[in-house]
ModelCIF file with pLDDT and N, C-alpha, C, O atoms, coordinates in Angstrom:
data_MODEL
#
_entry.id   MODEL 
#
_entity.id                         1 
_entity.type                       polymer 
_entity.pdbx_number_of_molecules   1 
#
_entity_poly.entity_id                      1 
_entity_poly.type                           'polypeptide(L)' 
_entity_poly.nstd_linkage                   no 
_entity_poly.nstd_monomer                   no 
_entity_poly.pdbx_seq_one_letter_code       NQKDSFVPGMELRAKYTVFAEGCRGHLGKELIGKFALDADKS 
_entity_poly.pdbx_seq_one_letter_code_can   NQKDSFVPGMELRAKYTVFAEGCRGHLGKELIGKFALDADKS 
_entity_poly.pdbx_strand_id                 A 
#
loop_
_entity_poly_seq.entity_id 
_entity_poly_seq.num 
_entity_poly_seq.mon_id 
_entity_poly_seq.hetero 
1 1  ASN n 
1 2  GLN n 
1 3  LYS n 
1 4  ASP n 
1 5  SER n 
1 6  PHE n 
1 7  VAL n 
1 8  PRO n 
1 9  GLY n 
1 10 MET n 
1 11 GLU n 
1 12 LEU n 
1 13 ARG n 
1 14 ALA n 
1 15 LYS n 
1 16 TYR n 
1 17 THR n 
1 18 VAL n 
1 19 PHE n 
1 20 ALA n 
1 21 GLU n 
1 22 GLY n 
1 23 CYS n 
1 24 ARG n 
1 25 GLY n 
1 26 HIS n 
1 27 LEU n 
1 28 GLY n 
1 29 LYS n 
1 30 GLU n 
1 31 LEU n 
1 32 ILE n 
1 33 GLY n 
1 34 LYS n 
1 35 PHE n 
1 36 ALA n 
1 37 LEU n 
1 38 ASP n 
1 39 ALA n 
1 40 ASP n 
1 41 LYS n 
1 42 SER n 
#
_struct_asym.id          A 
_struct_asym.entity_id   1 
#
loop_
_ma_qa_metric.id 
_ma_qa_metric.mode 
_ma_qa_metric.name 
_ma_qa_metric.software_group_id 
_ma_qa_metric.type 
1 global pLDDT . pLDDT 
2 local  pLDDT . pLDDT 
#
_ma_qa_metric_global.metric_id      1 
_ma_qa_metric_global.metric_value   97.00 
_ma_qa_metric_global.model_id       1 
_ma_qa_metric_global.ordinal_id     1 
#
loop_
_ma_qa_metric_local.label_asym_id 
_ma_qa_metric_local.label_comp_id 
_ma_qa_metric_local.label_seq_id 
_ma_qa_metric_local.metric_id 
_ma_qa_metric_local.metric_value 
_ma_qa_metric_local.model_id 
_ma_qa_metric_local.ordinal_id 
A ASN 1  2 95.00 1 1  
A GLN 2  2 95.00 1 2  
A LYS 3  2 95.00 1 3  
A ASP 4  2 94.00 1 4  
A SER 5  2 92.00 1 5  
A PHE 6  2 94.00 1 6  
A VAL 7  2 94.00 1 7  
A PRO 8  2 95.00 1 8  
A GLY 9  2 96.00 1 9  
A MET 10 2 97.00 1 10 
A GLU 11 2 98.00 1 11 
A LEU 12 2 98.00 1 12 
A ARG 13 2 98.00 1 13 
A ALA 14 2 98.00 1 14 
A LYS 15 2 98.00 1 15 
A TYR 16 2 98.00 1 16 
A THR 17 2 98.00 1 17 
A VAL 18 2 98.00 1 18 
A PHE 19 2 98.00 1 19 
A ALA 20 2 98.00 1 20 
A GLU 21 2 98.00 1 21 
A GLY 22 2 98.00 1 22 
A CYS 23 2 98.00 1 23 
A ARG 24 2 98.00 1 24 
A GLY 25 2 97.00 1 25 
A HIS 26 2 97.00 1 26 
A LEU 27 2 98.00 1 27 
A GLY 28 2 98.00 1 28 
A LYS 29 2 98.00 1 29 
A GLU 30 2 98.00 1 30 
A LEU 31 2 98.00 1 31 
A ILE 32 2 98.00 1 32 
A GLY 33 2 98.00 1 33 
A LYS 34 2 98.00 1 34 
A PHE 35 2 98.00 1 35 
A ALA 36 2 98.00 1 36 
A LEU 37 2 98.00 1 37 
A ASP 38 2 98.00 1 38 
A ALA 39 2 97.00 1 39 
A ASP 40 2 94.00 1 40 
A LYS 41 2 97.00 1 41 
A SER 42 2 97.00 1 42 
#
loop_
_atom_site.group_PDB 
_atom_site.id 
_atom_site.type_symbol 
_atom_site.label_atom_id 
_atom_site.label_alt_id 
_atom_site.label_comp_id 
_atom_site.label_asym_id 
_atom_site.label_entity_id 
_atom_site.label_seq_id 
_atom_site.pdbx_PDB_ins_code 
_atom_site.Cartn_x 
_atom_site.Cartn_y 
_atom_site.Cartn_z 
_atom_site.occupancy 
_atom_site.B_iso_or_equiv 
_atom_site.pdbx_formal_charge 
_atom_site.auth_seq_id 
_atom_site.auth_comp_id 
_atom_site.auth_asym_id 
_atom_site.auth_atom_id 
_atom_site.pdbx_PDB_model_num 
ATOM 1   N N  . ASN A 1 1  ? 91.549  105.723 103.796 1.00 95.00 ? 1  ASN A N  1 
ATOM 2   C CA . ASN A 1 1  ? 90.226  106.358 103.782 1.00 95.00 ? 1  ASN A CA 1 
ATOM 3   C C  . ASN A 1 1  ? 90.046  107.182 102.517 1.00 95.00 ? 1  ASN A C  1 
ATOM 4   O O  . ASN A 1 1  ? 91.013  107.698 101.957 1.00 95.00 ? 1  ASN A O  1 
ATOM 5   N N  . GLN A 1 2  ? 88.808  107.299 102.076 1.00 95.00 ? 2  GLN A N  1 
ATOM 6   C CA . GLN A 1 2  ? 88.526  108.036 100.847 1.00 95.00 ? 2  GLN A CA 1 
ATOM 7   C C  . GLN A 1 2  ? 88.627  109.543 101.078 1.00 95.00 ? 2  GLN A C  1 
ATOM 8   O O  . GLN A 1 2  ? 88.044  110.084 102.018 1.00 95.00 ? 2  GLN A O  1 
ATOM 9   N N  . LYS A 1 3  ? 89.385  110.211 100.193 1.00 95.00 ? 3  LYS A N  1 
ATOM 10  C CA . LYS A 1 3  ? 89.462  111.669 100.207 1.00 95.00 ? 3  LYS A CA 1 
ATOM 11  C C  . LYS A 1 3  ? 88.372  112.220 99.278  1.00 95.00 ? 3  LYS A C  1 
ATOM 12  O O  . LYS A 1 3  ? 87.670  111.464 98.607  1.00 95.00 ? 3  LYS A O  1 
ATOM 13  N N  . ASP A 1 4  ? 88.251  113.530 99.257  1.00 94.00 ? 4  ASP A N  1 
ATOM 14  C CA . ASP A 1 4  ? 87.246  114.152 98.371  1.00 94.00 ? 4  ASP A CA 1 
ATOM 15  C C  . ASP A 1 4  ? 87.519  113.815 96.906  1.00 94.00 ? 4  ASP A C  1 
ATOM 16  O O  . ASP A 1 4  ? 86.608  113.798 96.078  1.00 94.00 ? 4  ASP A O  1 
ATOM 17  N N  . SER A 1 5  ? 88.770  113.553 96.607  1.00 92.00 ? 5  SER A N  1 
ATOM 18  C CA . SER A 1 5  ? 89.164  113.283 95.213  1.00 92.00 ? 5  SER A CA 1 
ATOM 19  C C  . SER A 1 5  ? 89.038  111.803 94.842  1.00 92.00 ? 5  SER A C  1 
ATOM 20  O O  . SER A 1 5  ? 89.488  111.402 93.769  1.00 92.00 ? 5  SER A O  1 
ATOM 21  N N  . PHE A 1 6  ? 88.439  110.995 95.702  1.00 94.00 ? 6  PHE A N  1 
ATOM 22  C CA . PHE A 1 6  ? 88.416  109.540 95.502  1.00 94.00 ? 6  PHE A CA 1 
ATOM 23  C C  . PHE A 1 6  ? 87.732  109.158 94.189  1.00 94.00 ? 6  PHE A C  1 
ATOM 24  O O  . PHE A 1 6  ? 86.656  109.650 93.850  1.00 94.00 ? 6  PHE A O  1 
ATOM 25  N N  . VAL A 1 7  ? 88.403  108.264 93.468  1.00 94.00 ? 7  VAL A N  1 
ATOM 26  C CA . VAL A 1 7  ? 87.839  107.665 92.252  1.00 94.00 ? 7  VAL A CA 1 
ATOM 27  C C  . VAL A 1 7  ? 88.095  106.163 92.344  1.00 94.00 ? 7  VAL A C  1 
ATOM 28  O O  . VAL A 1 7  ? 89.251  105.745 92.425  1.00 94.00 ? 7  VAL A O  1 
ATOM 29  N N  . PRO A 1 8  ? 87.050  105.347 92.334  1.00 95.00 ? 8  PRO A N  1 
ATOM 30  C CA . PRO A 1 8  ? 87.270  103.900 92.455  1.00 95.00 ? 8  PRO A CA 1 
ATOM 31  C C  . PRO A 1 8  ? 87.911  103.323 91.200  1.00 95.00 ? 8  PRO A C  1 
ATOM 32  O O  . PRO A 1 8  ? 87.703  103.818 90.093  1.00 95.00 ? 8  PRO A O  1 
ATOM 33  N N  . GLY A 1 9  ? 88.694  102.264 91.397  1.00 96.00 ? 9  GLY A N  1 
ATOM 34  C CA . GLY A 1 9  ? 89.273  101.568 90.258  1.00 96.00 ? 9  GLY A CA 1 
ATOM 35  C C  . GLY A 1 9  ? 88.200  100.902 89.409  1.00 96.00 ? 9  GLY A C  1 
ATOM 36  O O  . GLY A 1 9  ? 87.064  100.713 89.845  1.00 96.00 ? 9  GLY A O  1 
ATOM 37  N N  . MET A 1 10 ? 88.584  100.554 88.195  1.00 97.00 ? 10 MET A N  1 
ATOM 38  C CA . MET A 1 10 ? 87.651  99.947  87.240  1.00 97.00 ? 10 MET A CA 1 
ATOM 39  C C  . MET A 1 10 ? 87.935  98.464  87.089  1.00 97.00 ? 10 MET A C  1 
ATOM 40  O O  . MET A 1 10 ? 89.075  98.015  87.207  1.00 97.00 ? 10 MET A O  1 
ATOM 41  N N  . GLU A 1 11 ? 86.877  97.715  86.827  1.00 98.00 ? 11 GLU A N  1 
ATOM 42  C CA . GLU A 1 11 ? 87.042  96.326  86.447  1.00 98.00 ? 11 GLU A CA 1 
ATOM 43  C C  . GLU A 1 11 ? 87.264  96.257  84.936  1.00 98.00 ? 11 GLU A C  1 
ATOM 44  O O  . GLU A 1 11 ? 86.440  96.730  84.153  1.00 98.00 ? 11 GLU A O  1 
ATOM 45  N N  . LEU A 1 12 ? 88.370  95.671  84.546  1.00 98.00 ? 12 LEU A N  1 
ATOM 46  C CA . LEU A 1 12 ? 88.624  95.423  83.130  1.00 98.00 ? 12 LEU A CA 1 
ATOM 47  C C  . LEU A 1 12 ? 88.580  93.913  82.946  1.00 98.00 ? 12 LEU A C  1 
ATOM 48  O O  . LEU A 1 12 ? 89.522  93.203  83.298  1.00 98.00 ? 12 LEU A O  1 
ATOM 49  N N  . ARG A 1 13 ? 87.496  93.444  82.401  1.00 98.00 ? 13 ARG A N  1 
ATOM 50  C CA . ARG A 1 13 ? 87.279  92.001  82.254  1.00 98.00 ? 13 ARG A CA 1 
ATOM 51  C C  . ARG A 1 13 ? 87.626  91.566  80.829  1.00 98.00 ? 13 ARG A C  1 
ATOM 52  O O  . ARG A 1 13 ? 87.450  92.316  79.869  1.00 98.00 ? 13 ARG A O  1 
ATOM 53  N N  . ALA A 1 14 ? 88.121  90.338  80.724  1.00 98.00 ? 14 ALA A N  1 
ATOM 54  C CA . ALA A 1 14 ? 88.555  89.859  79.411  1.00 98.00 ? 14 ALA A CA 1 
ATOM 55  C C  . ALA A 1 14 ? 88.398  88.349  79.307  1.00 98.00 ? 14 ALA A C  1 
ATOM 56  O O  . ALA A 1 14 ? 88.381  87.629  80.305  1.00 98.00 ? 14 ALA A O  1 
ATOM 57  N N  . LYS A 1 15 ? 88.286  87.900  78.073  1.00 98.00 ? 15 LYS A N  1 
ATOM 58  C CA . LYS A 1 15 ? 88.293  86.450  77.855  1.00 98.00 ? 15 LYS A CA 1 
ATOM 59  C C  . LYS A 1 15 ? 89.659  85.877  78.241  1.00 98.00 ? 15 LYS A C  1 
ATOM 60  O O  . LYS A 1 15 ? 89.761  84.792  78.813  1.00 98.00 ? 15 LYS A O  1 
ATOM 61  N N  . TYR A 1 16 ? 90.710  86.645  77.908  1.00 98.00 ? 16 TYR A N  1 
ATOM 62  C CA . TYR A 1 16 ? 92.062  86.258  78.315  1.00 98.00 ? 16 TYR A CA 1 
ATOM 63  C C  . TYR A 1 16 ? 92.841  87.504  78.757  1.00 98.00 ? 16 TYR A C  1 
ATOM 64  O O  . TYR A 1 16 ? 92.711  88.581  78.175  1.00 98.00 ? 16 TYR A O  1 
ATOM 65  N N  . THR A 1 17 ? 93.646  87.321  79.794  1.00 98.00 ? 17 THR A N  1 
ATOM 66  C CA . THR A 1 17 ? 94.473  88.399  80.329  1.00 98.00 ? 17 THR A CA 1 
ATOM 67  C C  . THR A 1 17 ? 95.932  87.991  80.202  1.00 98.00 ? 17 THR A C  1 
ATOM 68  O O  . THR A 1 17 ? 96.315  86.885  80.583  1.00 98.00 ? 17 THR A O  1 
ATOM 69  N N  . VAL A 1 18 ? 96.737  88.889  79.665  1.00 98.00 ? 18 VAL A N  1 
ATOM 70  C CA . VAL A 1 18 ? 98.165  88.627  79.498  1.00 98.00 ? 18 VAL A CA 1 
ATOM 71  C C  . VAL A 1 18 ? 98.925  89.518  80.476  1.00 98.00 ? 18 VAL A C  1 
ATOM 72  O O  . VAL A 1 18 ? 98.804  90.742  80.437  1.00 98.00 ? 18 VAL A O  1 
ATOM 73  N N  . PHE A 1 19 ? 99.706  88.894  81.349  1.00 98.00 ? 19 PHE A N  1 
ATOM 74  C CA . PHE A 1 19 ? 100.459 89.636  82.361  1.00 98.00 ? 19 PHE A CA 1 
ATOM 75  C C  . PHE A 1 19 ? 101.888 89.842  81.861  1.00 98.00 ? 19 PHE A C  1 
ATOM 76  O O  . PHE A 1 19 ? 102.643 88.890  81.663  1.00 98.00 ? 19 PHE A O  1 
ATOM 77  N N  . ALA A 1 20 ? 102.234 91.115  81.664  1.00 98.00 ? 20 ALA A N  1 
ATOM 78  C CA . ALA A 1 20 ? 103.529 91.512  81.109  1.00 98.00 ? 20 ALA A CA 1 
ATOM 79  C C  . ALA A 1 20 ? 104.087 92.667  81.942  1.00 98.00 ? 20 ALA A C  1 
ATOM 80  O O  . ALA A 1 20 ? 104.474 93.708  81.413  1.00 98.00 ? 20 ALA A O  1 
ATOM 81  N N  . GLU A 1 21 ? 104.117 92.453  83.266  1.00 98.00 ? 21 GLU A N  1 
ATOM 82  C CA . GLU A 1 21 ? 104.451 93.542  84.196  1.00 98.00 ? 21 GLU A CA 1 
ATOM 83  C C  . GLU A 1 21 ? 105.939 93.824  84.303  1.00 98.00 ? 21 GLU A C  1 
ATOM 84  O O  . GLU A 1 21 ? 106.323 94.819  84.919  1.00 98.00 ? 21 GLU A O  1 
ATOM 85  N N  . GLY A 1 22 ? 106.790 92.988  83.729  1.00 98.00 ? 22 GLY A N  1 
ATOM 86  C CA . GLY A 1 22 ? 108.215 93.122  83.958  1.00 98.00 ? 22 GLY A CA 1 
ATOM 87  C C  . GLY A 1 22 ? 108.645 92.289  85.158  1.00 98.00 ? 22 GLY A C  1 
ATOM 88  O O  . GLY A 1 22 ? 107.844 91.577  85.765  1.00 98.00 ? 22 GLY A O  1 
ATOM 89  N N  . CYS A 1 23 ? 109.922 92.396  85.482  1.00 98.00 ? 23 CYS A N  1 
ATOM 90  C CA . CYS A 1 23 ? 110.514 91.569  86.528  1.00 98.00 ? 23 CYS A CA 1 
ATOM 91  C C  . CYS A 1 23 ? 109.798 91.729  87.868  1.00 98.00 ? 23 CYS A C  1 
ATOM 92  O O  . CYS A 1 23 ? 109.539 92.846  88.317  1.00 98.00 ? 23 CYS A O  1 
ATOM 93  N N  . ARG A 1 24 ? 109.483 90.601  88.496  1.00 98.00 ? 24 ARG A N  1 
ATOM 94  C CA . ARG A 1 24 ? 108.847 90.545  89.828  1.00 98.00 ? 24 ARG A CA 1 
ATOM 95  C C  . ARG A 1 24 ? 107.535 91.324  89.856  1.00 98.00 ? 24 ARG A C  1 
ATOM 96  O O  . ARG A 1 24 ? 107.234 92.018  90.827  1.00 98.00 ? 24 ARG A O  1 
ATOM 97  N N  . GLY A 1 25 ? 106.767 91.202  88.789  1.00 97.00 ? 25 GLY A N  1 
ATOM 98  C CA . GLY A 1 25 ? 105.441 91.820  88.793  1.00 97.00 ? 25 GLY A CA 1 
ATOM 99  C C  . GLY A 1 25 ? 104.629 91.296  89.961  1.00 97.00 ? 25 GLY A C  1 
ATOM 100 O O  . GLY A 1 25 ? 104.622 90.092  90.218  1.00 97.00 ? 25 GLY A O  1 
ATOM 101 N N  . HIS A 1 26 ? 103.947 92.178  90.670  1.00 97.00 ? 26 HIS A N  1 
ATOM 102 C CA . HIS A 1 26 ? 103.310 91.722  91.912  1.00 97.00 ? 26 HIS A CA 1 
ATOM 103 C C  . HIS A 1 26 ? 102.106 90.810  91.633  1.00 97.00 ? 26 HIS A C  1 
ATOM 104 O O  . HIS A 1 26 ? 101.789 89.938  92.442  1.00 97.00 ? 26 HIS A O  1 
ATOM 105 N N  . LEU A 1 27 ? 101.439 91.011  90.495  1.00 98.00 ? 27 LEU A N  1 
ATOM 106 C CA . LEU A 1 27 ? 100.345 90.102  90.145  1.00 98.00 ? 27 LEU A CA 1 
ATOM 107 C C  . LEU A 1 27 ? 100.902 88.788  89.584  1.00 98.00 ? 27 LEU A C  1 
ATOM 108 O O  . LEU A 1 27 ? 100.364 87.713  89.848  1.00 98.00 ? 27 LEU A O  1 
ATOM 109 N N  . GLY A 1 28 ? 101.970 88.887  88.819  1.00 98.00 ? 28 GLY A N  1 
ATOM 110 C CA . GLY A 1 28 ? 102.630 87.679  88.346  1.00 98.00 ? 28 GLY A CA 1 
ATOM 111 C C  . GLY A 1 28 ? 103.105 86.814  89.499  1.00 98.00 ? 28 GLY A C  1 
ATOM 112 O O  . GLY A 1 28 ? 102.977 85.590  89.466  1.00 98.00 ? 28 GLY A O  1 
ATOM 113 N N  . LYS A 1 29 ? 103.649 87.453  90.507  1.00 98.00 ? 29 LYS A N  1 
ATOM 114 C CA . LYS A 1 29 ? 104.097 86.729  91.711  1.00 98.00 ? 29 LYS A CA 1 
ATOM 115 C C  . LYS A 1 29 ? 102.913 86.006  92.376  1.00 98.00 ? 29 LYS A C  1 
ATOM 116 O O  . LYS A 1 29 ? 103.037 84.861  92.810  1.00 98.00 ? 29 LYS A O  1 
ATOM 117 N N  . GLU A 1 30 ? 101.777 86.691  92.447  1.00 98.00 ? 30 GLU A N  1 
ATOM 118 C CA . GLU A 1 30 ? 100.573 86.085  93.026  1.00 98.00 ? 30 GLU A CA 1 
ATOM 119 C C  . GLU A 1 30 ? 100.112 84.884  92.198  1.00 98.00 ? 30 GLU A C  1 
ATOM 120 O O  . GLU A 1 30 ? 99.768  83.837  92.746  1.00 98.00 ? 30 GLU A O  1 
ATOM 121 N N  . LEU A 1 31 ? 100.110 85.045  90.878  1.00 98.00 ? 31 LEU A N  1 
ATOM 122 C CA . LEU A 1 31 ? 99.620  83.976  89.996  1.00 98.00 ? 31 LEU A CA 1 
ATOM 123 C C  . LEU A 1 31 ? 100.545 82.763  90.019  1.00 98.00 ? 31 LEU A C  1 
ATOM 124 O O  . LEU A 1 31 ? 100.076 81.625  89.994  1.00 98.00 ? 31 LEU A O  1 
ATOM 125 N N  . ILE A 1 32 ? 101.862 83.000  90.067  1.00 98.00 ? 32 ILE A N  1 
ATOM 126 C CA . ILE A 1 32 ? 102.815 81.891  90.131  1.00 98.00 ? 32 ILE A CA 1 
ATOM 127 C C  . ILE A 1 32 ? 102.545 81.064  91.389  1.00 98.00 ? 32 ILE A C  1 
ATOM 128 O O  . ILE A 1 32 ? 102.591 79.835  91.355  1.00 98.00 ? 32 ILE A O  1 
ATOM 129 N N  . GLY A 1 33 ? 102.262 81.752  92.500  1.00 98.00 ? 33 GLY A N  1 
ATOM 130 C CA . GLY A 1 33 ? 101.954 81.051  93.739  1.00 98.00 ? 33 GLY A CA 1 
ATOM 131 C C  . GLY A 1 33 ? 100.610 80.351  93.700  1.00 98.00 ? 33 GLY A C  1 
ATOM 132 O O  . GLY A 1 33 ? 100.496 79.193  94.102  1.00 98.00 ? 33 GLY A O  1 
ATOM 133 N N  . LYS A 1 34 ? 99.588  81.054  93.216  1.00 98.00 ? 34 LYS A N  1 
ATOM 134 C CA . LYS A 1 34 ? 98.228  80.496  93.229  1.00 98.00 ? 34 LYS A CA 1 
ATOM 135 C C  . LYS A 1 34 ? 98.111  79.246  92.366  1.00 98.00 ? 34 LYS A C  1 
ATOM 136 O O  . LYS A 1 34 ? 97.483  78.264  92.761  1.00 98.00 ? 34 LYS A O  1 
ATOM 137 N N  . PHE A 1 35 ? 98.722  79.293  91.183  1.00 98.00 ? 35 PHE A N  1 
ATOM 138 C CA . PHE A 1 35 ? 98.588  78.176  90.247  1.00 98.00 ? 35 PHE A CA 1 
ATOM 139 C C  . PHE A 1 35 ? 99.815  77.246  90.261  1.00 98.00 ? 35 PHE A C  1 
ATOM 140 O O  . PHE A 1 35 ? 99.936  76.363  89.412  1.00 98.00 ? 35 PHE A O  1 
ATOM 141 N N  . ALA A 1 36 ? 100.729 77.452  91.239  1.00 98.00 ? 36 ALA A N  1 
ATOM 142 C CA . ALA A 1 36 ? 101.935 76.608  91.369  1.00 98.00 ? 36 ALA A CA 1 
ATOM 143 C C  . ALA A 1 36 ? 102.672 76.503  90.033  1.00 98.00 ? 36 ALA A C  1 
ATOM 144 O O  . ALA A 1 36 ? 103.084 75.417  89.625  1.00 98.00 ? 36 ALA A O  1 
ATOM 145 N N  . LEU A 1 37 ? 102.832 77.641  89.358  1.00 98.00 ? 37 LEU A N  1 
ATOM 146 C CA . LEU A 1 37 ? 103.443 77.645  88.031  1.00 98.00 ? 37 LEU A CA 1 
ATOM 147 C C  . LEU A 1 37 ? 104.928 77.303  88.086  1.00 98.00 ? 37 LEU A C  1 
ATOM 148 O O  . LEU A 1 37 ? 105.513 76.905  87.079  1.00 98.00 ? 37 LEU A O  1 
ATOM 149 N N  . ASP A 1 38 ? 105.539 77.458  89.260  1.00 98.00 ? 38 ASP A N  1 
ATOM 150 C CA . ASP A 1 38 ? 106.969 77.183  89.383  1.00 98.00 ? 38 ASP A CA 1 
ATOM 151 C C  . ASP A 1 38 ? 107.252 75.818  90.004  1.00 98.00 ? 38 ASP A C  1 
ATOM 152 O O  . ASP A 1 38 ? 108.379 75.554  90.423  1.00 98.00 ? 38 ASP A O  1 
ATOM 153 N N  . ALA A 1 39 ? 106.252 74.954  90.069  1.00 97.00 ? 39 ALA A N  1 
ATOM 154 C CA . ALA A 1 39 ? 106.462 73.611  90.619  1.00 97.00 ? 39 ALA A CA 1 
ATOM 155 C C  . ALA A 1 39 ? 107.533 72.884  89.809  1.00 97.00 ? 39 ALA A C  1 
ATOM 156 O O  . ALA A 1 39 ? 107.507 72.895  88.578  1.00 97.00 ? 39 ALA A O  1 
ATOM 157 N N  . ASP A 1 40 ? 108.467 72.255  90.508  1.00 94.00 ? 40 ASP A N  1 
ATOM 158 C CA . ASP A 1 40 ? 109.558 71.481  89.884  1.00 94.00 ? 40 ASP A CA 1 
ATOM 159 C C  . ASP A 1 40 ? 110.517 72.341  89.065  1.00 94.00 ? 40 ASP A C  1 
ATOM 160 O O  . ASP A 1 40 ? 111.265 71.817  88.239  1.00 94.00 ? 40 ASP A O  1 
ATOM 161 N N  . LYS A 1 41 ? 110.503 73.657  89.285  1.00 97.00 ? 41 LYS A N  1 
ATOM 162 C CA . LYS A 1 41 ? 111.447 74.550  88.601  1.00 97.00 ? 41 LYS A CA 1 
ATOM 163 C C  . LYS A 1 41 ? 112.497 75.034  89.595  1.00 97.00 ? 41 LYS A C  1 
ATOM 164 O O  . LYS A 1 41 ? 112.258 75.054  90.802  1.00 97.00 ? 41 LYS A O  1 
ATOM 165 N N  . SER A 1 42 ? 113.666 75.427  89.076  1.00 97.00 ? 42 SER A N  1 
ATOM 166 C CA . SER A 1 42 ? 114.646 76.070  89.945  1.00 97.00 ? 42 SER A CA 1 
ATOM 167 C C  . SER A 1 42 ? 114.091 77.416  90.393  1.00 97.00 ? 42 SER A C  1 
ATOM 168 O O  . SER A 1 42 ? 114.751 78.139  91.139  1.00 97.00 ? 42 SER A O  1 
#
C-alpha cells in the first residue's frame, strides 16, 4: 500500500536497452525465459 512518502517509478524508454545487471539479474532471467535465449544451451 502507498505510504505518505510514495513516489511512483519512472518509465525510462529507449530505442535499445542493454541489461548489465550482473549474475542472475532478475530482468535478465525474465528475458532469457521470454525470448528462449538459452534454447539448445547447457
